[in-house]
Amino acid sequence: MDTVFLFAARGNYGDPCPDNVTIITKAALVAFDRENRSLLPKPIAQWLALQGES
């Protein structure tokens, strides 16, 4: 069975989540962004810099 990674901006993932779904939290997404800025597409990194997230 394939694994599915899921992020929902509103945090609504349904109930129950299937066993093959791994939920990505907002905190994990923000941490990844801050630690791996060089991996993000250039337009996204530029947008974050404009938002003061550099």
PDB file of N, CA and C in Angstrom:
ATOM      1  N   MET A   1       0.843  -1.164   0.000  1.00  0.00           N
ATOM      2  CA  MET A   1       0.000   0.000   0.000  1.00  0.00           C
ATOM      3  C   MET A   1       0.901   1.244   0.000  1.00  0.00           C
ATOM      4  N   ASP A   2       0.571   2.220  -0.835  1.00  0.00           N
ATOM      5  CA  ASP A   2       1.331   3.465  -0.906  1.00  0.00           C
ATOM      6  C   ASP A   2       1.050   4.337   0.306  1.00  0.00           C
ATOM      7  N   THR A   3       2.041   5.160   0.666  1.00  0.00           N
ATOM      8  CA  THR A   3       1.876   6.135   1.734  1.00  0.00           C
ATOM      9  C   THR A   3       1.512   7.477   1.118  1.00  0.00           C
ATOM     10  N   VAL A   4       0.559   8.151   1.719  1.00  0.00           N
ATOM     11  CA  VAL A   4       0.107   9.460   1.260  1.00  0.00           C
ATOM     12  C   VAL A   4       0.437  10.473   2.350  1.00  0.00           C
ATOM     13  N   PHE A   5       1.059  11.594   1.959  1.00  0.00           N
ATOM     14  CA  PHE A   5       1.350  12.670   2.897  1.00  0.00           C
ATOM     15  C   PHE A   5       0.336  13.773   2.647  1.00  0.00           C
ATOM     16  N   LEU A   6      -0.282  14.253   3.728  1.00  0.00           N
ATOM     17  CA  LEU A   6      -1.407  15.170   3.592  1.00  0.00           C
ATOM     18  C   LEU A   6      -1.213  16.398   4.463  1.00  0.00           C
ATOM     19  N   PHE A   7      -1.414  17.572   3.861  1.00  0.00           N
ATOM     20  CA  PHE A   7      -1.478  18.823   4.610  1.00  0.00           C
ATOM     21  C   PHE A   7      -2.762  19.524   4.206  1.00  0.00           C
ATOM     22  N   ALA A   8      -3.538  19.920   5.195  1.00  0.00           N
ATOM     23  CA  ALA A   8      -4.764  20.675   4.949  1.00  0.00           C
ATOM     24  C   ALA A   8      -4.639  22.004   5.694  1.00  0.00           C
ATOM     25  N   ALA A   9      -4.739  23.108   4.974  1.00  0.00           N
ATOM     26  CA  ALA A   9      -4.553  24.431   5.567  1.00  0.00           C
ATOM     27  C   ALA A   9      -5.483  24.663   6.755  1.00  0.00           C
ATOM     28  N   ARG A  10      -6.674  24.133   6.702  1.00  0.00           N
ATOM     29  CA  ARG A  10      -7.628  24.322   7.801  1.00  0.00           C
ATOM     30  C   ARG A  10      -7.543  23.227   8.856  1.00  0.00           C
ATOM     31  N   GLY A  11      -6.666  22.263   8.632  1.00  0.00           N
ATOM     32  CA  GLY A  11      -6.488  21.202   9.613  1.00  0.00           C
ATOM     33  C   GLY A  11      -7.609  20.189   9.655  1.00  0.00           C
ATOM     34  N   ASN A  12      -8.460  20.184   8.643  1.00  0.00           N
ATOM     35  CA  ASN A  12      -9.568  19.245   8.599  1.00  0.00           C
ATOM     36  C   ASN A  12      -9.162  18.054   7.727  1.00  0.00           C
ATOM     37  N   TYR A  13      -8.868  16.946   8.366  1.00  0.00           N
ATOM     38  CA  TYR A  13      -8.384  15.773   7.651  1.00  0.00           C
ATOM     39  C   TYR A  13      -9.416  14.663   7.532  1.00  0.00           C
ATOM     40  N   GLY A  14     -10.591  14.894   8.069  1.00  0.00           N
ATOM     41  CA  GLY A  14     -11.602  13.854   8.052  1.00  0.00           C
ATOM     42  C   GLY A  14     -11.366  12.871   9.186  1.00  0.00           C
ATOM     43  N   ASP A  15     -12.340  12.037   9.409  1.00  0.00           N
ATOM     44  CA  ASP A  15     -12.211  11.097  10.497  1.00  0.00           C
ATOM     45  C   ASP A  15     -12.895   9.809  10.112  1.00  0.00           C
ATOM     46  N   PRO A  16     -12.278   8.731  10.219  1.00  0.00           N
ATOM     47  CA  PRO A  16     -10.875   8.527  10.584  1.00  0.00           C
ATOM     48  C   PRO A  16      -9.976   8.609   9.354  1.00  0.00           C
ATOM     49  N   CYS A  17      -8.704   8.896   9.569  1.00  0.00           N
ATOM     50  CA  CYS A  17      -7.724   8.883   8.476  1.00  0.00           C
ATOM     51  C   CYS A  17      -7.309   7.441   8.222  1.00  0.00           C
ATOM     52  N   PRO A  18      -7.193   7.067   6.967  1.00  0.00           N
ATOM     53  CA  PRO A  18      -6.722   5.715   6.661  1.00  0.00           C
ATOM     54  C   PRO A  18      -5.302   5.482   7.186  1.00  0.00           C
ATOM     55  N   ASP A  19      -4.950   4.245   7.387  1.00  0.00           N
ATOM     56  CA  ASP A  19      -3.636   3.883   7.930  1.00  0.00           C
ATOM     57  C   ASP A  19      -2.474   4.333   7.052  1.00  0.00           C
ATOM     58  N   ASN A  20      -2.720   4.498   5.766  1.00  0.00           N
ATOM     59  CA  ASN A  20      -1.623   4.856   4.864  1.00  0.00           C
ATOM     60  C   ASN A  20      -1.446   6.372   4.718  1.00  0.00           C
ATOM     61  N   VAL A  21      -2.176   7.169   5.505  1.00  0.00           N
ATOM     62  CA  VAL A  21      -2.085   8.623   5.430  1.00  0.00           C
ATOM     63  C   VAL A  21      -1.223   9.140   6.571  1.00  0.00           C
ATOM     64  N   THR A  22      -0.209   9.932   6.215  1.00  0.00           N
ATOM     65  CA  THR A  22       0.629  10.608   7.189  1.00  0.00           C
ATOM     66  C   THR A  22       0.301  12.085   7.127  1.00  0.00           C
ATOM     67  N   ILE A  23      -0.170  12.629   8.239  1.00  0.00           N
ATOM     68  CA  ILE A  23      -0.555  14.037   8.283  1.00  0.00           C
ATOM     69  C   ILE A  23       0.669  14.899   8.529  1.00  0.00           C
ATOM     70  N   ILE A  24       0.797  15.975   7.752  1.00  0.00           N
ATOM     71  CA  ILE A  24       1.867  16.948   7.920  1.00  0.00           C
ATOM     72  C   ILE A  24       1.264  18.147   8.644  1.00  0.00           C
ATOM     73  N   THR A  25       1.794  18.463   9.814  1.00  0.00           N
ATOM     74  CA  THR A  25       1.273  19.584  10.591  1.00  0.00           C
ATOM     75  C   THR A  25       1.820  20.907  10.059  1.00  0.00           C
ATOM     76  N   LYS A  26       1.133  21.983  10.388  1.00  0.00           N
ATOM     77  CA  LYS A  26       1.615  23.314   9.993  1.00  0.00           C
ATOM     78  C   LYS A  26       2.992  23.574  10.600  1.00  0.00           C
ATOM     79  N   ALA A  27       3.188  23.189  11.846  1.00  0.00           N
ATOM     80  CA  ALA A  27       4.480  23.390  12.511  1.00  0.00           C
ATOM     81  C   ALA A  27       5.599  22.649  11.771  1.00  0.00           C
ATOM     82  N   ALA A  28       5.325  21.438  11.326  1.00  0.00           N
ATOM     83  CA  ALA A  28       6.336  20.672  10.588  1.00  0.00           C
ATOM     84  C   ALA A  28       6.639  21.320   9.238  1.00  0.00           C
ATOM     85  N   LEU A  29       5.609  21.840   8.601  1.00  0.00           N
ATOM     86  CA  LEU A  29       5.792  22.501   7.307  1.00  0.00           C
ATOM     87  C   LEU A  29       6.619  23.776   7.458  1.00  0.00           C
ATOM     88  N   VAL A  30       6.327  24.562   8.483  1.00  0.00           N
ATOM     89  CA  VAL A  30       7.079  25.802   8.729  1.00  0.00           C
ATOM     90  C   VAL A  30       8.523  25.467   9.095  1.00  0.00           C
ATOM     91  N   ALA A  31       8.734  24.462   9.911  1.00  0.00           N
ATOM     92  CA  ALA A  31      10.091  24.058  10.287  1.00  0.00           C
ATOM     93  C   ALA A  31      10.883  23.610   9.062  1.00  0.00           C
ATOM     94  N   PHE A  32      10.241  22.834   8.187  1.00  0.00           N
ATOM     95  CA  PHE A  32      10.920  22.398   6.957  1.00  0.00           C
ATOM     96  C   PHE A  32      11.315  23.601   6.118  1.00  0.00           C
ATOM     97  N   ASP A  33      10.407  24.554   5.983  1.00  0.00           N
ATOM     98  CA  ASP A  33      10.674  25.762   5.212  1.00  0.00           C
ATOM     99  C   ASP A  33      11.890  26.498   5.759  1.00  0.00           C
ATOM    100  N   ARG A  34      11.932  26.690   7.051  1.00  0.00           N
ATOM    101  CA  ARG A  34      13.026  27.453   7.667  1.00  0.00           C
ATOM    102  C   ARG A  34      14.359  26.728   7.576  1.00  0.00           C
ATOM    103  N   GLU A  35      14.332  25.413   7.649  1.00  0.00           N
ATOM    104  CA  GLU A  35      15.569  24.628   7.639  1.00  0.00           C
ATOM    105  C   GLU A  35      16.049  24.284   6.233  1.00  0.00           C
ATOM    106  N   ASN A  36      15.176  24.394   5.241  1.00  0.00           N
ATOM    107  CA  ASN A  36      15.515  23.939   3.888  1.00  0.00           C
ATOM    108  C   ASN A  36      15.143  24.964   2.830  1.00  0.00           C
ATOM    109  N   ARG A  37      15.319  26.221   3.129  1.00  0.00           N
ATOM    110  CA  ARG A  37      14.915  27.291   2.201  1.00  0.00           C
ATOM    111  C   ARG A  37      15.524  27.093   0.808  1.00  0.00           C
ATOM    112  N   SER A  38      16.747  26.587   0.748  1.00  0.00           N
ATOM    113  CA  SER A  38      17.414  26.412  -0.553  1.00  0.00           C
ATOM    114  C   SER A  38      16.744  25.338  -1.415  1.00  0.00           C
ATOM    115  N   LEU A  39      15.926  24.493  -0.826  1.00  0.00           N
ATOM    116  CA  LEU A  39      15.239  23.442  -1.590  1.00  0.00           C
ATOM    117  C   LEU A  39      13.923  23.923  -2.205  1.00  0.00           C
ATOM    118  N   LEU A  40      13.429  25.060  -1.730  1.00  0.00           N
ATOM    119  CA  LEU A  40      12.148  25.558  -2.224  1.00  0.00           C
ATOM    120  C   LEU A  40      12.302  26.165  -3.609  1.00  0.00           C
ATOM    121  N   PRO A  41      11.254  26.116  -4.412  1.00  0.00           N
ATOM    122  CA  PRO A  41      11.297  26.790  -5.707  1.00  0.00           C
ATOM    123  C   PRO A  41      11.569  28.287  -5.493  1.00  0.00           C
ATOM    124  N   LYS A  42      12.353  28.869  -6.387  1.00  0.00           N
ATOM    125  CA  LYS A  42      12.769  30.261  -6.242  1.00  0.00           C
ATOM    126  C   LYS A  42      11.590  31.221  -6.029  1.00  0.00           C
ATOM    127  N   PRO A  43      10.482  31.108  -6.769  1.00  0.00           N
ATOM    128  CA  PRO A  43       9.363  32.035  -6.531  1.00  0.00           C
ATOM    129  C   PRO A  43       8.799  31.935  -5.109  1.00  0.00           C
ATOM    130  N   ILE A  44       8.770  30.748  -4.548  1.00  0.00           N
ATOM    131  CA  ILE A  44       8.263  30.572  -3.187  1.00  0.00           C
ATOM    132  C   ILE A  44       9.229  31.213  -2.190  1.00  0.00           C
ATOM    133  N   ALA A  45      10.526  30.976  -2.355  1.00  0.00           N
ATOM    134  CA  ALA A  45      11.519  31.568  -1.463  1.00  0.00           C
ATOM    135  C   ALA A  45      11.467  33.093  -1.539  1.00  0.00           C
ATOM    136  N   GLN A  46      11.283  33.640  -2.743  1.00  0.00           N
ATOM    137  CA  GLN A  46      11.177  35.094  -2.896  1.00  0.00           C
ATOM    138  C   GLN A  46       9.917  35.617  -2.217  1.00  0.00           C
ATOM    139  N   TRP A  47       8.805  34.921  -2.354  1.00  0.00           N
ATOM    140  CA  TRP A  47       7.569  35.343  -1.722  1.00  0.00           C
ATOM    141  C   TRP A  47       7.707  35.353  -0.209  1.00  0.00           C
ATOM    142  N   LEU A  48       8.339  34.305   0.335  1.00  0.00           N
ATOM    143  CA  LEU A  48       8.548  34.242   1.785  1.00  0.00           C
ATOM    144  C   LEU A  48       9.457  35.376   2.247  1.00  0.00           C
ATOM    145  N   ALA A  49      10.474  35.698   1.456  1.00  0.00           N
ATOM    146  CA  ALA A  49      11.359  36.808   1.803  1.00  0.00           C
ATOM    147  C   ALA A  49      10.588  38.122   1.829  1.00  0.00           C
ATOM    148  N   LEU A  50       9.680  38.311   0.900  1.00  0.00           N
ATOM    149  CA  LEU A  50       8.863  39.520   0.879  1.00  0.00           C
ATOM    150  C   LEU A  50       7.934  39.584   2.089  1.00  0.00           C
ATOM    151  N   GLN A  51       7.547  38.427   2.606  1.00  0.00           N
ATOM    152  CA  GLN A  51       6.660  38.352   3.759  1.00  0.00           C
ATOM    153  C   GLN A  51       7.432  38.482   5.076  1.00  0.00           C
ATOM    154  N   GLY A  52       8.760  38.643   4.982  1.00  0.00           N
ATOM    155  CA  GLY A  52       9.565  38.770   6.180  1.00  0.00           C
ATOM    156  C   GLY A  52       9.932  37.447   6.819  1.00  0.00           C
ATOM    157  N   GLU A  53       9.878  36.375   6.050  1.00  0.00           N
ATOM    158  CA  GLU A  53      10.201  35.041   6.552  1.00  0.00           C
ATOM    159  C   GLU A  53      11.602  34.609   6.130  1.00  0.00           C
ATOM    160  N   SER A  54      12.491  35.534   5.894  1.00  0.00           N
ATOM    161  CA  SER A  54      13.832  35.164   5.406  1.00  0.00           C
ATOM    162  C   SER A  54      14.747  34.686   6.473  1.00  0.00           C
TER     163      SER A  54
END
